Amino acid sequence: MNLEDLRVFKEVAEEGNITKAANHLNFVQSNVTAKIRRLEQRYDTQLFYRHKHGVTLSSTGEVLLSYAGQIIQLMDEIDKTLKNSHVPNGTLTIGSMETTAATRLPAILSTYHDLYPQVALSLQTGTTEDLIKATLNRDIEGAFIAGQINHPDLEEIKVFEEELILVAKESNISSLDFNQLDNQTIIVFQSGCFYRDIFEKWLKSEGIRPTNIMELNTLDGVMGCVKAGLGMSLLTKTVADQLPQNENIKQFALPEKYRFISTNFINHKDIVKTSAFHAFVSVMD
């Protein structure tokens, strides 16, 4: 079986349109059609139903697509392994929480780039929950997440320990008193954020069930709302220290049970650990 035929088939299946697939692959349409026909002849089956809007997978096409993804991934991993040299090169995709990306990673990424400029390093940010899923799916080669997970398919290394700080305008909160915290708006990241979970567990332990929740997708958004006095938020100490001191923003340490959280670097046990990946791990040490 021709691997290129399989790649073309997968592209057509994902696009649902032969013309779009041909344009994306920079092939002429007749070439794409010929490759699909060759696969259909090989397996003596119809892989697509043609209609005026494009194409739809047949039941046998669905089966082939499930195998095609696995075969293409394995072949790509073979290429990465066999072509890998001792000098870090190629691509490396790393995931990170926004707080870690904003405060901890710049120094690491700068050092890595200086040492290995030939590596194309890509950084994706997200919640701990999303990063774990992406690592398990091998969409990224590693990620910085909050807390330990102890998943059988993942390896993890403790990299940092973060102190969690409650931050708010002094006009909103002057102490961790129930009466002051009870009616506050909490400013948090979207669901799946580990720090948000800690925040809500701590408040619950204090008998507080927030009714006013402002959910944002960016660290800049969270910090901006705190500066504007719109509510309180839970941030790492390294991020909280970046808030301007002249705007009367108070920092409050949490009880010991909730105060310190480790940041771990995780990766799937079965990924191809290229020289670029090993070099990144060594830079973290």
Protein backbone atom coordinates (compact mmCIF):
# COMPACT_ATOMS: atom_id res chain seq x y z
CA MET A 1 0.00 0.00 0.00
CA ASN A 2 1.24 3.46 -0.93
CA LEU A 3 1.51 5.65 2.18
CA GLU A 4 0.86 8.79 0.13
CA ASP A 5 -2.44 7.28 -1.05
CA LEU A 6 -3.38 6.78 2.59
CA ARG A 7 -2.48 10.38 3.48
CA VAL A 8 -4.58 11.65 0.58
CA PHE A 9 -7.50 9.44 1.64
CA LYS A 10 -7.31 10.79 5.21
CA GLU A 11 -7.24 14.40 3.95
CA VAL A 12 -10.29 13.84 1.72
CA ALA A 13 -12.14 12.19 4.62
CA GLU A 14 -11.38 15.11 6.94
CA GLU A 15 -12.27 17.77 4.35
CA GLY A 16 -15.32 15.96 3.00
CA ASN A 17 -14.44 17.39 -0.38
CA ILE A 18 -11.97 16.23 -3.03
CA THR A 19 -11.34 19.71 -4.43
CA LYS A 20 -10.58 21.18 -1.00
CA ALA A 21 -8.28 18.26 -0.20
CA ALA A 22 -6.45 18.68 -3.50
CA ASN A 23 -5.94 22.40 -2.86
CA HIS A 24 -4.70 21.79 0.66
CA LEU A 25 -2.26 19.09 -0.53
CA ASN A 26 -1.24 21.16 -3.58
CA PHE A 27 -2.27 18.30 -5.89
CA VAL A 28 -4.36 18.42 -9.03
CA GLN A 29 -7.85 17.03 -8.44
CA SER A 30 -7.40 14.18 -10.92
CA ASN A 31 -4.35 13.01 -8.97
CA VAL A 32 -6.35 12.86 -5.74
CA THR A 33 -9.21 11.03 -7.47
CA ALA A 34 -6.78 8.49 -8.93
CA LYS A 35 -5.29 7.76 -5.52
CA ILE A 36 -8.72 7.22 -4.00
CA ARG A 37 -9.70 4.95 -6.89
CA ARG A 38 -6.48 2.95 -6.43
CA LEU A 39 -7.33 2.33 -2.77
CA GLU A 40 -10.88 1.31 -3.68
CA GLN A 41 -9.56 -1.14 -6.27
CA ARG A 42 -7.03 -2.56 -3.83
CA TYR A 43 -9.67 -3.29 -1.20
CA ASP A 44 -12.47 -3.95 -3.68
CA THR A 45 -14.83 -1.57 -1.92
CA GLN A 46 -16.32 1.90 -2.18
CA LEU A 47 -14.70 4.24 0.33
CA PHE A 48 -16.81 7.37 -0.33
CA TYR A 49 -20.31 8.28 -1.38
CA ARG A 50 -20.20 11.14 -3.87
CA HIS A 51 -22.85 13.88 -3.72
CA LYS A 52 -23.25 17.47 -4.86
CA HIS A 53 -21.73 18.89 -1.66
CA GLY A 54 -18.64 16.67 -1.71
CA VAL A 55 -18.05 13.19 -0.35
CA THR A 56 -19.07 11.17 2.70
CA LEU A 57 -17.31 8.11 4.06
CA SER A 58 -18.92 4.74 3.52
CA SER A 59 -18.92 2.20 6.35
CA THR A 60 -15.75 0.57 4.97
CA GLY A 61 -14.25 4.03 4.55
CA GLU A 62 -14.86 4.67 8.25
CA VAL A 63 -12.95 1.47 9.07
CA LEU A 64 -10.02 2.42 6.84
CA LEU A 65 -9.89 5.92 8.35
CA SER A 66 -9.54 4.48 11.87
CA TYR A 67 -6.49 2.51 10.73
CA ALA A 68 -5.10 5.27 8.52
CA GLY A 69 -4.50 7.63 11.44
CA GLN A 70 -2.61 4.95 13.37
CA ILE A 71 -0.52 3.90 10.37
CA ILE A 72 0.44 7.47 9.45
CA GLN A 73 1.36 8.28 13.06
CA LEU A 74 3.56 5.18 13.30
CA MET A 75 5.30 6.01 10.03
CA ASP A 76 5.91 9.58 11.19
CA GLU A 77 7.40 8.26 14.43
CA ILE A 78 9.64 5.90 12.46
CA ASP A 79 10.87 8.84 10.37
CA LYS A 80 11.55 10.91 13.49
CA THR A 81 13.44 8.05 15.14
CA LEU A 82 15.51 6.93 12.17
CA LYS A 83 16.33 10.42 10.95
CA ASN A 84 17.06 11.73 14.42
CA SER A 85 20.61 12.93 14.93
CA HIS A 86 22.58 13.53 18.11
CA VAL A 87 22.29 17.28 17.57
CA PRO A 88 18.82 18.51 18.65
CA ASN A 89 16.83 19.65 15.63
CA GLY A 90 13.40 19.38 14.09
CA THR A 91 10.28 20.43 15.98
CA LEU A 92 9.25 20.30 19.64
CA THR A 93 5.74 21.14 20.86
CA ILE A 94 5.31 21.91 24.56
CA GLY A 95 2.17 22.83 26.49
CA SER A 96 1.87 25.04 29.54
CA MET A 97 -0.58 26.74 31.87
CA GLU A 98 -0.75 30.48 31.21
CA THR A 99 0.63 31.36 34.64
CA THR A 100 3.70 29.18 34.10
CA ALA A 101 4.16 30.46 30.55
CA ALA A 102 4.06 34.05 31.79
CA THR A 103 6.48 33.76 34.69
CA ARG A 104 8.56 30.60 34.67
CA LEU A 105 9.07 29.64 31.05
CA PRO A 106 10.66 32.72 29.48
CA ALA A 107 14.04 31.96 31.07
CA ILE A 108 13.85 28.25 30.16
CA LEU A 109 12.76 28.92 26.58
CA SER A 110 15.40 31.60 26.11
CA THR A 111 18.16 29.28 27.34
CA TYR A 112 16.90 26.44 25.18
CA HIS A 113 16.76 28.62 22.08
CA ASP A 114 20.27 29.93 22.69
CA LEU A 115 21.62 26.39 23.05
CA TYR A 116 19.59 24.74 20.28
CA PRO A 117 18.52 27.39 17.73
CA GLN A 118 17.91 24.73 15.09
CA VAL A 119 14.90 23.36 17.01
CA ALA A 120 11.53 24.87 16.03
CA LEU A 121 9.95 25.18 19.47
CA SER A 122 6.17 25.62 19.70
CA LEU A 123 4.31 26.54 22.91
CA GLN A 124 0.61 25.92 23.47
CA THR A 125 -1.23 27.20 26.55
CA GLY A 126 -4.30 25.75 28.23
CA THR A 127 -5.79 24.47 31.46
CA THR A 128 -4.24 21.55 33.30
CA GLU A 129 -7.16 19.37 32.21
CA ASP A 130 -6.73 20.28 28.54
CA LEU A 131 -2.96 19.80 28.69
CA ILE A 132 -3.30 16.33 30.19
CA LYS A 133 -5.67 15.33 27.39
CA ALA A 134 -3.34 16.74 24.73
CA THR A 135 -0.40 14.85 26.23
CA LEU A 136 -2.34 11.59 26.41
CA ASN A 137 -3.39 12.05 22.77
CA ARG A 138 0.25 12.79 21.84
CA ASP A 139 -0.82 16.11 20.33
CA ILE A 140 2.05 17.69 22.28
CA GLU A 141 5.29 16.14 23.47
CA GLY A 142 5.13 17.41 27.03
CA ALA A 143 3.35 19.91 29.26
CA PHE A 144 3.70 21.92 32.45
CA ILE A 145 0.68 21.20 34.65
CA ALA A 146 -0.38 21.91 38.24
CA GLY A 147 -0.24 19.08 40.76
CA GLN A 148 0.50 15.38 40.44
CA ILE A 149 -1.68 13.07 38.36
CA ASN A 150 -0.17 9.55 38.72
CA HIS A 151 -1.54 8.37 35.36
CA PRO A 152 -0.21 4.97 34.18
CA ASP A 153 0.50 6.30 30.65
CA LEU A 154 2.33 9.43 31.74
CA GLU A 155 5.72 10.28 33.20
CA GLU A 156 6.08 13.36 35.37
CA ILE A 157 8.89 15.45 36.84
CA LYS A 158 8.44 18.04 39.57
CA VAL A 159 9.84 21.31 38.24
CA PHE A 160 8.62 24.15 40.47
CA GLU A 161 6.68 24.72 43.65
CA GLU A 162 4.22 27.59 43.52
CA GLU A 163 2.74 29.55 46.39
CA LEU A 164 -0.92 30.43 45.87
CA ILE A 165 -2.02 33.93 46.84
CA LEU A 166 -5.45 35.51 47.10
CA VAL A 167 -5.41 38.96 45.48
CA ALA A 168 -7.96 41.76 45.57
CA LYS A 169 -8.26 45.51 45.88
CA GLU A 170 -7.82 46.66 49.46
CA SER A 171 -11.17 48.44 49.14
CA ASN A 172 -12.77 45.02 48.53
CA ILE A 173 -10.94 42.88 51.07
CA SER A 174 -8.73 43.79 54.01
CA SER A 175 -8.61 40.36 55.69
CA LEU A 176 -9.58 36.72 55.14
CA ASP A 177 -12.75 37.23 57.13
CA PHE A 178 -15.86 35.25 56.22
CA ASN A 179 -18.01 38.37 56.05
CA GLN A 180 -15.58 40.01 53.60
CA LEU A 181 -15.13 36.96 51.39
CA ASP A 182 -18.71 35.75 51.32
CA ASN A 183 -20.18 38.25 48.88
CA GLN A 184 -17.17 38.74 46.63
CA THR A 185 -17.10 37.99 42.92
CA ILE A 186 -14.44 35.38 42.18
CA ILE A 187 -12.39 35.86 39.02
CA VAL A 188 -11.25 32.53 37.60
CA PHE A 189 -10.05 30.72 34.51
CA GLN A 190 -12.36 28.41 32.60
CA SER A 191 -13.34 24.99 33.92
CA GLY A 192 -10.42 22.55 33.98
CA CYS A 193 -8.02 24.98 35.67
CA PHE A 194 -6.35 23.29 38.64
CA TYR A 195 -5.92 26.56 40.54
CA ARG A 196 -9.63 27.29 40.13
CA ASP A 197 -10.41 23.90 41.68
CA ILE A 198 -8.16 24.71 44.65
CA PHE A 199 -9.78 28.15 44.99
CA GLU A 200 -13.29 26.68 45.09
CA LYS A 201 -12.30 23.89 47.51
CA TRP A 202 -10.73 26.40 49.90
CA LEU A 203 -13.77 28.68 49.79
CA LYS A 204 -16.05 25.69 50.38
CA SER A 205 -13.96 24.70 53.40
CA GLU A 206 -14.60 28.20 54.76
CA GLY A 207 -18.34 27.77 54.26
CA ILE A 208 -18.42 30.03 51.20
CA ARG A 209 -20.23 29.04 48.01
CA PRO A 210 -19.64 31.80 45.44
CA THR A 211 -22.67 32.92 43.49
CA ASN A 212 -20.90 35.56 41.42
CA ILE A 213 -18.28 34.00 39.15
CA MET A 214 -16.41 35.85 36.41
CA GLU A 215 -14.83 33.28 34.08
CA LEU A 216 -12.03 34.43 31.75
CA ASN A 217 -9.74 32.73 29.26
CA THR A 218 -6.53 34.72 29.65
CA LEU A 219 -4.18 35.64 32.47
CA ASP A 220 -4.13 39.26 31.30
CA GLY A 221 -7.91 39.31 31.58
CA VAL A 222 -7.86 37.95 35.14
CA MET A 223 -5.19 40.43 36.25
CA GLY A 224 -6.98 43.31 34.55
CA CYS A 225 -10.24 42.56 36.36
CA VAL A 226 -8.45 42.34 39.72
CA LYS A 227 -6.79 45.72 39.07
CA ALA A 228 -10.19 47.16 38.19
CA GLY A 229 -11.57 46.04 41.55
CA LEU A 230 -14.14 43.69 40.02
CA GLY A 231 -13.47 40.85 42.45
CA MET A 232 -10.86 38.55 43.95
CA SER A 233 -8.73 35.88 42.34
CA LEU A 234 -6.26 33.16 43.22
CA LEU A 235 -2.87 33.53 41.54
CA THR A 236 0.61 32.19 42.02
CA LYS A 237 2.94 34.39 44.03
CA THR A 238 5.14 34.93 40.96
CA VAL A 239 2.15 36.31 39.03
CA ALA A 240 0.70 38.26 41.98
CA ASP A 241 4.01 40.08 42.40
CA GLN A 242 3.61 41.47 38.88
CA LEU A 243 0.49 43.39 39.85
CA PRO A 244 1.26 47.08 40.35
CA GLN A 245 1.99 48.00 43.98
CA ASN A 246 0.58 51.50 43.60
CA GLU A 247 -2.99 50.32 42.97
CA ASN A 248 -3.70 49.14 46.52
CA ILE A 249 -3.89 45.47 45.62
CA LYS A 250 -3.58 43.24 48.68
CA GLN A 251 -2.07 39.77 48.81
CA PHE A 252 -3.30 37.15 51.28
CA ALA A 253 -1.58 33.82 51.98
CA LEU A 254 -3.84 30.76 52.00
CA PRO A 255 -3.89 28.17 54.82
CA GLU A 256 -1.04 25.65 54.59
CA LYS A 257 -3.32 22.89 53.25
CA TYR A 258 -3.99 24.88 50.08
CA ARG A 259 -1.00 27.21 49.92
CA PHE A 260 1.66 25.30 47.98
CA ILE A 261 1.17 23.45 44.69
CA SER A 262 3.84 21.78 42.56
CA THR A 263 4.20 22.38 38.85
CA ASN A 264 5.09 19.15 37.08
CA PHE A 265 6.30 18.44 33.56
CA ILE A 266 4.50 15.46 32.01
CA ASN A 267 4.94 13.42 28.85
CA HIS A 268 3.44 10.27 27.40
CA LYS A 269 5.57 7.22 28.13
CA ASP A 270 5.31 6.03 24.55
CA ILE A 271 6.25 9.19 22.63
CA VAL A 272 9.38 9.24 20.51
CA LYS A 273 11.85 11.03 22.77
CA THR A 274 13.96 12.88 20.26
CA SER A 275 17.24 14.59 21.05
CA ALA A 276 15.29 17.88 21.05
CA PHE A 277 13.01 16.49 23.77
CA HIS A 278 15.90 15.18 25.90
CA ALA A 279 17.68 18.52 25.56
CA PHE A 280 14.57 20.36 26.78
CA VAL A 281 14.32 18.15 29.85
CA SER A 282 17.99 18.74 30.62
CA VAL A 283 17.51 22.51 30.40
CA MET A 284 14.73 22.28 33.01
CA ASP A 285 17.05 20.60 35.55
